[in-house]
Amino acid sequence: MAESGTAPPGREDLVVHDLVKEFAGGVLAVNHVSLTIQEGQFTTLLGPSGCGKTTTLNCIAGLEQPDGGRITVGGAVLTDVAKGVILPPERRNLGMVFQSYALWPHMTVFDNLAFGLKLHRVPGAEIRTRIGEALDLVGLANLEKRYPFQLSGGQQQRVALARAVVAQPRVLLLDEPLSNLDAKVREQARFWLREFQQRLGITTVYVTHDQGEALAISDMVAVMSQGHLLQFAPPKDVYERPATRFVADFIGQTSFLEGTIERASADTVDVRLARSGRVLTASAFAASTKPVVGKAATLAVRSEKIRVGATAESEANVLPARIKSFVYVGSAYEYIFETSEGDLRASSPVQVDGVETRLGLPPEALVLLADEPAGR
C-alpha cells in the first residue's frame, strides 16, 4: 500500500505528514496520509464520496482540526498536533474556493472581492488595483458592479476564484468548484482552470470525484479510498500503472484476470489463469509490485487496450470470446465479452461481425497489480 507520496524533484511547498482525522464512532476519515507537493504543482485529491479527500483539504485549510499529523507550507508550520500548533484559517494565507462558491448574495462582485481585503486593512487604492487585476485574470473585468444572481454558474465560479487569489495566497485550495456546472460548460472550464493556474504559477490542491477531470488538469493525482492514500503519481502513471485493484477499477473501464505467477523476470511475468489454465505474459508492473513465483496474481487491462478480432498468429496473448452485449457510443462500440476467465470489457471503432471472436491482450497492456491494503 502506498500511504505516502512525493512529487517529482523540485522545491517542496505543501507537506502533509502522517495526517489523521477520526470522527465519532472511531471512523478514520483520514488514515495516516502523507503528501509532499512541489511549488507550482496542480495536485488533485481523487476518490469516491467518503474517501477522505475533502476532509484532508479541510485539515489543510484549518477548517477541520486533525487528531494527528503535521502540515507545513513553504517550511512554515500550519499544523503540528504533537506540539499543539493549529493555526486558524485566517492566519494560513491559503485561498479557498468552495463547491457552492459561497458568494455574498447582497454584495456586488467588487464588494465580494474587497470584503476580505478590508478585514486585513489593505489600503483602498491597493484594493482597487488588486481587484482589477484579479477580474482581468478571470475575464470578468466589466462585471464588477453585478450581483451574484445576475451571473451564470460559470461566471460565479470565476468570481469565487478571483476572490480566492485577490488576497495573494501561498496555496490555492479548490473543493469541487466545477461540480455545479452543466456538462458542456464544465468541460470547457477544465481547460480554463488549468490555464488560469499555470498563469499564476500557484501551488494548487483540487478535490474531485471525477476521474476524467483529475487526469485532464493535474500534474499529480492522489487516489484515496476509505481514508487511505493508495497512489500518488502523475496522471499517466495512475492510468497506465495503477497501484492497486481499486485504483484500476475506479479510473477508466478495466477488466481483471486472476491467476498464479508461473515465471518472473525483470521485464515480464507469466501468469497461469485460474479458470482456463492459459498462460498470459504481462510486461507492465504497478510501481510497488514485486512478482513472486507461485504467488496469486491479478492482472488489469483497460478496455481500449484489448484488440478485438485478434488472431493466434499475430498476438502473444489471445482469448476466445463471445459477445454478451454491446452499445454504440458514437466514437466506438463498447462490448462485454464472455470468456473462459469471465466477462471482459473492450471497445472497437468498428462493429464485430458475428458473435464469436478473439481478444488480443498485449503484454504491455496487462498490468500486474500490487496487493490491496489490509481491510480494503
Protein backbone atom coordinates (compact mmCIF):
# COMPACT_ATOMS: atom_id res chain seq x y z
CA MET A 1 0.00 0.00 0.00
CA ALA A 2 1.23 3.47 -0.87
CA GLU A 3 0.09 5.68 2.01
CA SER A 4 2.62 8.42 1.33
CA GLY A 5 3.58 10.22 -1.81
CA THR A 6 6.22 12.56 -3.13
CA ALA A 7 6.01 14.55 -6.33
CA PRO A 8 8.90 14.66 -8.83
CA PRO A 9 12.00 16.61 -7.72
CA GLY A 10 11.51 20.32 -7.17
CA ARG A 11 11.05 22.79 -4.36
CA GLU A 12 8.77 21.45 -1.65
CA ASP A 13 5.85 23.74 -0.88
CA LEU A 14 2.96 21.94 0.83
CA VAL A 15 3.92 18.99 3.03
CA VAL A 16 1.33 16.84 4.79
CA HIS A 17 2.89 14.31 7.17
CA ASP A 18 1.07 11.40 8.83
CA LEU A 19 -2.29 13.19 8.86
CA VAL A 20 -5.04 11.57 10.93
CA LYS A 21 -8.66 12.64 11.35
CA GLU A 22 -11.09 10.50 13.34
CA PHE A 23 -14.82 11.11 13.54
CA ALA A 24 -17.38 9.80 16.02
CA GLY A 25 -17.58 6.04 16.27
CA GLY A 26 -13.89 5.56 15.59
CA VAL A 27 -14.20 6.24 11.85
CA LEU A 28 -10.79 7.18 10.43
CA ALA A 29 -11.71 9.67 7.72
CA VAL A 30 -8.01 10.32 7.08
CA ASN A 31 -5.75 7.39 7.91
CA HIS A 32 -2.09 8.41 8.31
CA VAL A 33 -1.84 10.22 4.96
CA SER A 34 1.40 11.86 3.84
CA LEU A 35 1.89 14.05 0.75
CA THR A 36 4.70 16.25 -0.50
CA ILE A 37 3.58 18.75 -3.14
CA GLN A 38 6.08 20.81 -5.10
CA GLU A 39 5.82 24.55 -5.66
CA GLY A 40 3.52 25.48 -8.54
CA GLN A 41 2.07 21.99 -8.95
CA PHE A 42 -1.58 21.24 -9.56
CA THR A 43 -2.39 18.25 -7.36
CA THR A 44 -5.79 16.55 -7.29
CA LEU A 45 -7.22 14.52 -4.42
CA LEU A 46 -9.39 11.95 -6.20
CA GLY A 47 -11.76 9.36 -4.86
CA PRO A 48 -15.41 8.40 -4.28
CA SER A 49 -17.65 10.04 -1.71
CA GLY A 50 -16.44 9.34 1.82
CA CYS A 51 -12.84 8.58 0.83
CA GLY A 52 -11.38 11.42 2.93
CA LYS A 53 -10.39 13.84 0.18
CA THR A 54 -12.46 16.82 1.35
CA THR A 55 -11.57 16.15 4.98
CA THR A 56 -7.89 16.24 4.00
CA LEU A 57 -8.44 19.53 2.19
CA ASN A 58 -10.29 20.98 5.18
CA CYS A 59 -7.47 19.96 7.51
CA ILE A 60 -5.02 21.80 5.23
CA ALA A 61 -7.31 24.85 5.23
CA GLY A 62 -7.71 24.79 9.00
CA LEU A 63 -11.45 24.15 8.79
CA GLU A 64 -11.04 20.72 10.42
CA GLN A 65 -8.81 20.01 13.40
CA PRO A 66 -6.87 16.77 12.79
CA ASP A 67 -6.15 14.23 15.51
CA GLY A 68 -2.59 13.69 14.39
CA GLY A 69 -0.02 14.85 11.89
CA ARG A 70 1.86 17.88 10.67
CA ILE A 71 1.19 20.34 7.83
CA THR A 72 3.68 22.91 6.53
CA VAL A 73 3.62 25.40 3.66
CA GLY A 74 6.91 26.82 2.45
CA GLY A 75 8.50 25.48 5.63
CA ALA A 76 6.07 27.38 7.88
CA VAL A 77 4.17 25.15 10.31
CA LEU A 78 0.39 25.41 9.98
CA THR A 79 -0.47 22.32 11.99
CA ASP A 80 1.58 20.19 14.37
CA VAL A 81 -0.76 18.18 16.55
CA ALA A 82 2.04 16.74 18.69
CA LYS A 83 3.17 20.27 19.63
CA GLY A 84 -0.34 21.70 19.94
CA VAL A 85 0.11 24.04 16.97
CA ILE A 86 -3.02 24.60 14.86
CA LEU A 87 -3.21 27.98 13.13
CA PRO A 88 -6.72 29.31 12.42
CA PRO A 89 -7.74 29.57 8.74
CA GLU A 90 -7.25 33.35 8.55
CA ARG A 91 -3.58 33.01 9.53
CA ARG A 92 -2.68 30.35 6.97
CA ASN A 93 -2.50 32.53 3.84
CA LEU A 94 -4.43 29.98 1.80
CA GLY A 95 -7.07 30.72 -0.85
CA MET A 96 -10.19 28.55 -0.77
CA VAL A 97 -12.95 28.00 -3.34
CA PHE A 98 -15.93 26.03 -2.06
CA GLN A 99 -18.26 23.80 -4.06
CA SER A 100 -21.10 26.30 -3.50
CA TYR A 101 -18.81 29.30 -4.32
CA ALA A 102 -20.09 30.98 -1.08
CA LEU A 103 -20.54 34.42 -2.66
CA TRP A 104 -22.34 37.06 -0.60
CA PRO A 105 -25.69 37.49 -2.44
CA HIS A 106 -26.22 41.09 -1.23
CA MET A 107 -22.79 42.26 -2.40
CA THR A 108 -21.59 43.17 -5.87
CA VAL A 109 -18.71 41.30 -7.47
CA PHE A 110 -16.37 44.13 -6.43
CA ASP A 111 -17.57 44.07 -2.82
CA ASN A 112 -17.30 40.27 -2.63
CA LEU A 113 -13.64 40.55 -3.59
CA ALA A 114 -12.99 43.58 -1.39
CA PHE A 115 -14.52 42.13 1.79
CA GLY A 116 -11.54 40.08 2.93
CA LEU A 117 -9.03 42.74 1.90
CA LYS A 118 -10.83 45.33 4.02
CA LEU A 119 -10.74 42.99 7.01
CA HIS A 120 -6.96 42.83 6.58
CA ARG A 121 -6.82 46.64 6.38
CA VAL A 122 -5.46 46.75 2.84
CA PRO A 123 -5.42 50.40 1.61
CA GLY A 124 -8.29 51.40 -0.68
CA ALA A 125 -6.10 52.17 -3.69
CA GLU A 126 -4.41 48.79 -3.43
CA ILE A 127 -7.80 47.07 -3.08
CA ARG A 128 -8.98 48.62 -6.35
CA THR A 129 -5.74 47.64 -8.10
CA ARG A 130 -5.81 44.05 -6.86
CA ILE A 131 -9.48 43.56 -7.73
CA GLY A 132 -8.95 44.98 -11.21
CA GLU A 133 -6.05 42.60 -11.80
CA ALA A 134 -7.96 39.60 -10.41
CA LEU A 135 -11.05 40.26 -12.54
CA ASP A 136 -8.87 40.76 -15.62
CA LEU A 137 -7.25 37.41 -14.87
CA VAL A 138 -10.60 35.60 -14.83
CA GLY A 139 -12.05 37.55 -17.76
CA LEU A 140 -14.73 39.43 -15.81
CA ALA A 141 -13.33 42.97 -15.79
CA ASN A 142 -16.63 44.53 -16.89
CA LEU A 143 -18.84 42.76 -14.33
CA GLU A 144 -17.62 44.23 -11.05
CA LYS A 145 -20.93 46.02 -10.37
CA ARG A 146 -23.13 42.96 -10.86
CA TYR A 147 -24.62 40.84 -8.10
CA PRO A 148 -24.20 37.03 -7.96
CA PHE A 149 -27.81 36.41 -9.08
CA GLN A 150 -27.03 38.32 -12.28
CA LEU A 151 -24.21 35.91 -13.19
CA SER A 152 -24.17 32.48 -14.82
CA GLY A 153 -22.81 29.49 -12.93
CA GLY A 154 -19.54 29.70 -14.82
CA GLN A 155 -19.20 33.40 -14.04
CA GLN A 156 -19.91 32.80 -10.34
CA GLN A 157 -17.19 30.17 -10.32
CA ARG A 158 -14.72 32.68 -11.79
CA VAL A 159 -15.69 35.31 -9.23
CA ALA A 160 -15.03 32.77 -6.46
CA LEU A 161 -11.60 32.07 -7.96
CA ALA A 162 -10.85 35.78 -8.27
CA ARG A 163 -11.81 36.28 -4.63
CA ALA A 164 -9.51 33.43 -3.60
CA VAL A 165 -6.47 34.82 -5.42
CA VAL A 166 -7.00 38.54 -4.77
CA ALA A 167 -5.59 38.04 -1.27
CA GLN A 168 -2.37 36.70 -2.86
CA PRO A 169 -2.38 33.32 -1.08
CA ARG A 170 0.57 30.95 -0.94
CA VAL A 171 -1.57 27.92 -1.88
CA LEU A 172 -4.95 27.62 -3.63
CA LEU A 173 -7.46 25.03 -2.36
CA LEU A 174 -10.39 24.04 -4.60
CA ASP A 175 -13.25 21.85 -3.35
CA GLU A 176 -15.07 20.52 -6.45
CA PRO A 177 -15.56 24.03 -7.93
CA LEU A 178 -16.85 22.70 -11.27
CA SER A 179 -19.45 20.28 -9.93
CA ASN A 180 -22.36 22.74 -10.21
CA LEU A 181 -21.75 23.46 -13.90
CA ASP A 182 -23.55 21.64 -16.71
CA ALA A 183 -21.54 19.07 -18.66
CA LYS A 184 -20.54 21.23 -21.64
CA VAL A 185 -19.55 24.27 -19.57
CA ARG A 186 -17.72 22.03 -17.12
CA GLU A 187 -15.61 20.52 -19.89
CA GLN A 188 -14.62 23.98 -21.12
CA ALA A 189 -13.96 25.14 -17.56
CA ARG A 190 -11.38 22.38 -17.06
CA PHE A 191 -9.09 23.87 -19.67
CA TRP A 192 -9.69 27.41 -18.48
CA LEU A 193 -8.95 26.47 -14.86
CA ARG A 194 -5.72 24.73 -15.82
CA GLU A 195 -4.55 27.73 -17.87
CA PHE A 196 -5.53 30.04 -15.00
CA GLN A 197 -3.43 28.05 -12.52
CA GLN A 198 -0.45 27.90 -14.86
CA ARG A 199 -0.55 31.67 -15.44
CA LEU A 200 -0.47 32.24 -11.69
CA GLY A 201 2.10 29.52 -11.04
CA ILE A 202 0.43 28.91 -7.69
CA THR A 203 0.56 25.61 -5.81
CA THR A 204 -2.96 24.17 -6.06
CA VAL A 205 -4.81 21.34 -4.34
CA TYR A 206 -8.03 20.30 -6.06
CA VAL A 207 -10.72 17.90 -4.85
CA THR A 208 -12.94 15.91 -7.21
CA HIS A 209 -14.60 12.53 -7.69
CA ASP A 210 -14.46 12.97 -11.49
CA GLN A 211 -11.71 10.73 -12.87
CA GLY A 212 -11.55 12.38 -16.29
CA GLU A 213 -11.32 15.81 -14.71
CA ALA A 214 -8.44 14.72 -12.48
CA LEU A 215 -6.50 13.21 -15.38
CA ALA A 216 -7.06 16.25 -17.60
CA ILE A 217 -5.94 19.07 -15.33
CA SER A 218 -3.44 17.65 -12.84
CA ASP A 219 0.33 17.44 -12.53
CA MET A 220 -0.13 14.84 -9.79
CA VAL A 221 -3.11 12.73 -8.72
CA ALA A 222 -3.60 11.35 -5.21
CA VAL A 223 -6.13 8.50 -5.25
CA MET A 224 -7.88 7.93 -1.92
CA SER A 225 -10.21 5.26 -0.56
CA GLN A 226 -11.64 4.91 2.95
CA GLY A 227 -9.15 7.38 4.36
CA HIS A 228 -6.10 5.74 2.77
CA LEU A 229 -3.85 7.24 0.12
CA LEU A 230 -3.47 4.41 -2.40
CA GLN A 231 -1.40 6.08 -5.12
CA PHE A 232 0.25 9.47 -5.68
CA ALA A 233 1.65 9.83 -9.18
CA PRO A 234 1.35 11.74 -12.48
CA PRO A 235 -1.99 11.15 -14.29
CA LYS A 236 -0.47 8.91 -16.96
CA ASP A 237 1.11 6.64 -14.34
CA VAL A 238 -2.12 6.42 -12.36
CA TYR A 239 -4.00 5.40 -15.51
CA GLU A 240 -1.45 3.10 -17.13
CA ARG A 241 0.25 1.72 -13.98
CA PRO A 242 -2.46 1.64 -11.30
CA ALA A 243 -1.03 0.58 -7.94
CA THR A 244 -4.00 -1.49 -6.75
CA ARG A 245 -7.19 -3.09 -7.99
CA PHE A 246 -9.22 -0.25 -6.51
CA VAL A 247 -7.26 2.38 -8.43
CA ALA A 248 -7.54 0.39 -11.67
CA ASP A 249 -11.27 -0.15 -11.20
CA PHE A 250 -12.08 3.41 -10.12
CA ILE A 251 -10.36 5.10 -13.06
CA GLY A 252 -11.45 4.10 -16.56
CA GLN A 253 -13.02 0.86 -17.81
CA THR A 254 -10.97 -2.07 -16.58
CA SER A 255 -11.25 -5.85 -16.60
CA PHE A 256 -9.40 -8.20 -14.25
CA LEU A 257 -7.88 -11.64 -14.67
CA GLU A 258 -6.93 -13.87 -11.74
CA GLY A 259 -4.15 -16.43 -11.72
CA THR A 260 -0.81 -17.55 -10.33
CA ILE A 261 2.65 -16.29 -11.23
CA GLU A 262 4.47 -19.06 -13.09
CA ARG A 263 7.61 -17.21 -14.17
CA ALA A 264 9.04 -13.80 -13.33
CA SER A 265 11.91 -11.77 -14.74
CA ALA A 266 12.98 -8.15 -14.53
CA ASP A 267 10.83 -7.24 -17.55
CA THR A 268 7.96 -9.72 -17.80
CA VAL A 269 5.86 -12.11 -15.78
CA ASP A 270 3.92 -15.19 -16.91
CA VAL A 271 0.59 -15.76 -15.17
CA ARG A 272 -1.34 -19.02 -15.41
CA LEU A 273 -5.02 -18.10 -15.41
CA ALA A 274 -7.15 -19.62 -12.68
CA ARG A 275 -10.05 -20.88 -14.79
CA SER A 276 -8.68 -21.96 -18.15
CA GLY A 277 -5.06 -22.66 -17.27
CA ARG A 278 -3.90 -20.48 -20.17
CA VAL A 279 -0.66 -18.58 -19.64
CA LEU A 280 -0.55 -14.83 -20.30
CA THR A 281 2.58 -12.71 -20.40
CA ALA A 282 2.49 -9.25 -18.81
CA SER A 283 5.17 -6.61 -19.06
CA ALA A 284 3.56 -3.78 -17.05
CA PHE A 285 4.01 -3.73 -13.30
CA ALA A 286 2.48 -1.42 -10.73
CA ALA A 287 5.25 0.61 -9.08
CA SER A 288 5.14 -1.25 -5.76
CA THR A 289 4.72 -4.74 -7.23
CA LYS A 290 7.36 -7.43 -6.69
CA PRO A 291 6.49 -10.59 -8.67
CA VAL A 292 6.99 -13.82 -6.74
CA VAL A 293 6.70 -17.21 -8.47
CA GLY A 294 3.81 -19.25 -7.07
CA LYS A 295 2.01 -16.24 -5.68
CA ALA A 296 -1.59 -15.39 -6.59
CA ALA A 297 -1.78 -12.52 -9.06
CA THR A 298 -4.29 -10.09 -10.50
CA LEU A 299 -3.86 -8.64 -13.99
CA ALA A 300 -5.68 -5.49 -15.09
CA VAL A 301 -6.37 -4.46 -18.68
CA ARG A 302 -8.07 -1.31 -19.99
CA SER A 303 -10.95 -1.82 -22.40
CA GLU A 304 -9.35 0.27 -25.16
CA LYS A 305 -6.12 -1.77 -24.94
CA ILE A 306 -7.84 -5.05 -25.85
CA ARG A 307 -7.56 -5.89 -29.56
CA VAL A 308 -10.89 -7.18 -30.78
CA GLY A 309 -10.62 -9.69 -33.63
CA ALA A 310 -7.06 -10.79 -32.90
CA THR A 311 -5.58 -13.98 -34.36
CA ALA A 312 -3.44 -16.51 -32.57
CA GLU A 313 -0.67 -15.93 -35.09
CA SER A 314 -0.47 -12.16 -34.56
CA GLU A 315 -0.90 -11.85 -30.81
CA ALA A 316 1.12 -13.08 -27.83
CA ASN A 317 -1.94 -13.42 -25.59
CA VAL A 318 -5.27 -14.45 -27.11
CA LEU A 319 -8.58 -15.46 -25.54
CA PRO A 320 -11.58 -16.86 -27.46
CA ALA A 321 -14.63 -14.72 -26.74
CA ARG A 322 -18.34 -14.43 -27.39
CA ILE A 323 -20.30 -11.17 -27.50
CA LYS A 324 -22.58 -10.85 -24.48
CA SER A 325 -23.80 -7.30 -25.12
CA PHE A 326 -22.72 -4.06 -26.72
CA VAL A 327 -23.63 -0.38 -27.05
CA TYR A 328 -22.75 2.25 -29.64
CA VAL A 329 -21.34 5.46 -28.08
CA GLY A 330 -20.51 7.45 -31.22
CA SER A 331 -16.75 7.11 -31.38
CA ALA A 332 -16.74 3.34 -30.77
CA TYR A 333 -18.68 0.20 -29.95
CA GLU A 334 -18.34 -0.87 -26.32
CA TYR A 335 -18.62 -4.61 -25.74
CA ILE A 336 -18.94 -7.04 -22.89
CA PHE A 337 -17.43 -10.37 -23.96
CA GLU A 338 -17.87 -13.78 -22.34
CA THR A 339 -14.55 -15.61 -21.99
CA SER A 340 -13.23 -18.61 -20.09
CA GLU A 341 -11.95 -16.14 -17.46
CA GLY A 342 -15.23 -14.30 -17.02
CA ASP A 343 -16.58 -11.17 -18.66
CA LEU A 344 -14.15 -8.71 -20.28
CA ARG A 345 -14.98 -5.19 -21.44
CA ALA A 346 -13.49 -3.98 -24.71
CA SER A 347 -14.07 -1.23 -27.23
CA SER A 348 -13.73 -1.25 -31.01
CA PRO A 349 -14.06 1.51 -33.64
CA VAL A 350 -15.91 -0.94 -35.90
CA GLN A 351 -18.73 -3.37 -35.23
CA VAL A 352 -17.72 -7.01 -34.80
CA ASP A 353 -19.09 -9.46 -37.37
CA GLY A 354 -20.93 -12.39 -35.81
CA VAL A 355 -20.85 -13.30 -32.13
CA GLU A 356 -17.59 -15.27 -31.88
CA THR A 357 -14.20 -13.54 -31.93
CA ARG A 358 -10.76 -13.48 -30.34
CA LEU A 359 -9.40 -10.91 -27.94
CA GLY A 360 -5.75 -9.93 -28.05
CA LEU A 361 -4.23 -8.86 -24.73
CA PRO A 362 -0.84 -7.25 -25.48
CA PRO A 363 1.77 -7.89 -22.75
CA GLU A 364 2.36 -4.15 -22.37
CA ALA A 365 -1.37 -3.64 -21.71
CA LEU A 366 -1.55 -6.20 -18.89
CA VAL A 367 -0.70 -4.63 -15.53
CA LEU A 368 0.32 -6.85 -12.63
CA LEU A 369 -1.29 -5.22 -9.61
CA ALA A 370 0.06 -4.85 -6.12
CA ASP A 371 -1.74 -6.35 -3.15
CA GLU A 372 -4.64 -4.36 -1.74
CA PRO A 373 -4.12 -2.67 1.64
CA ALA A 374 -5.39 -4.56 4.66
CA GLY A 375 -9.09 -4.02 5.14
CA ARG A 376 -9.75 -2.93 1.56
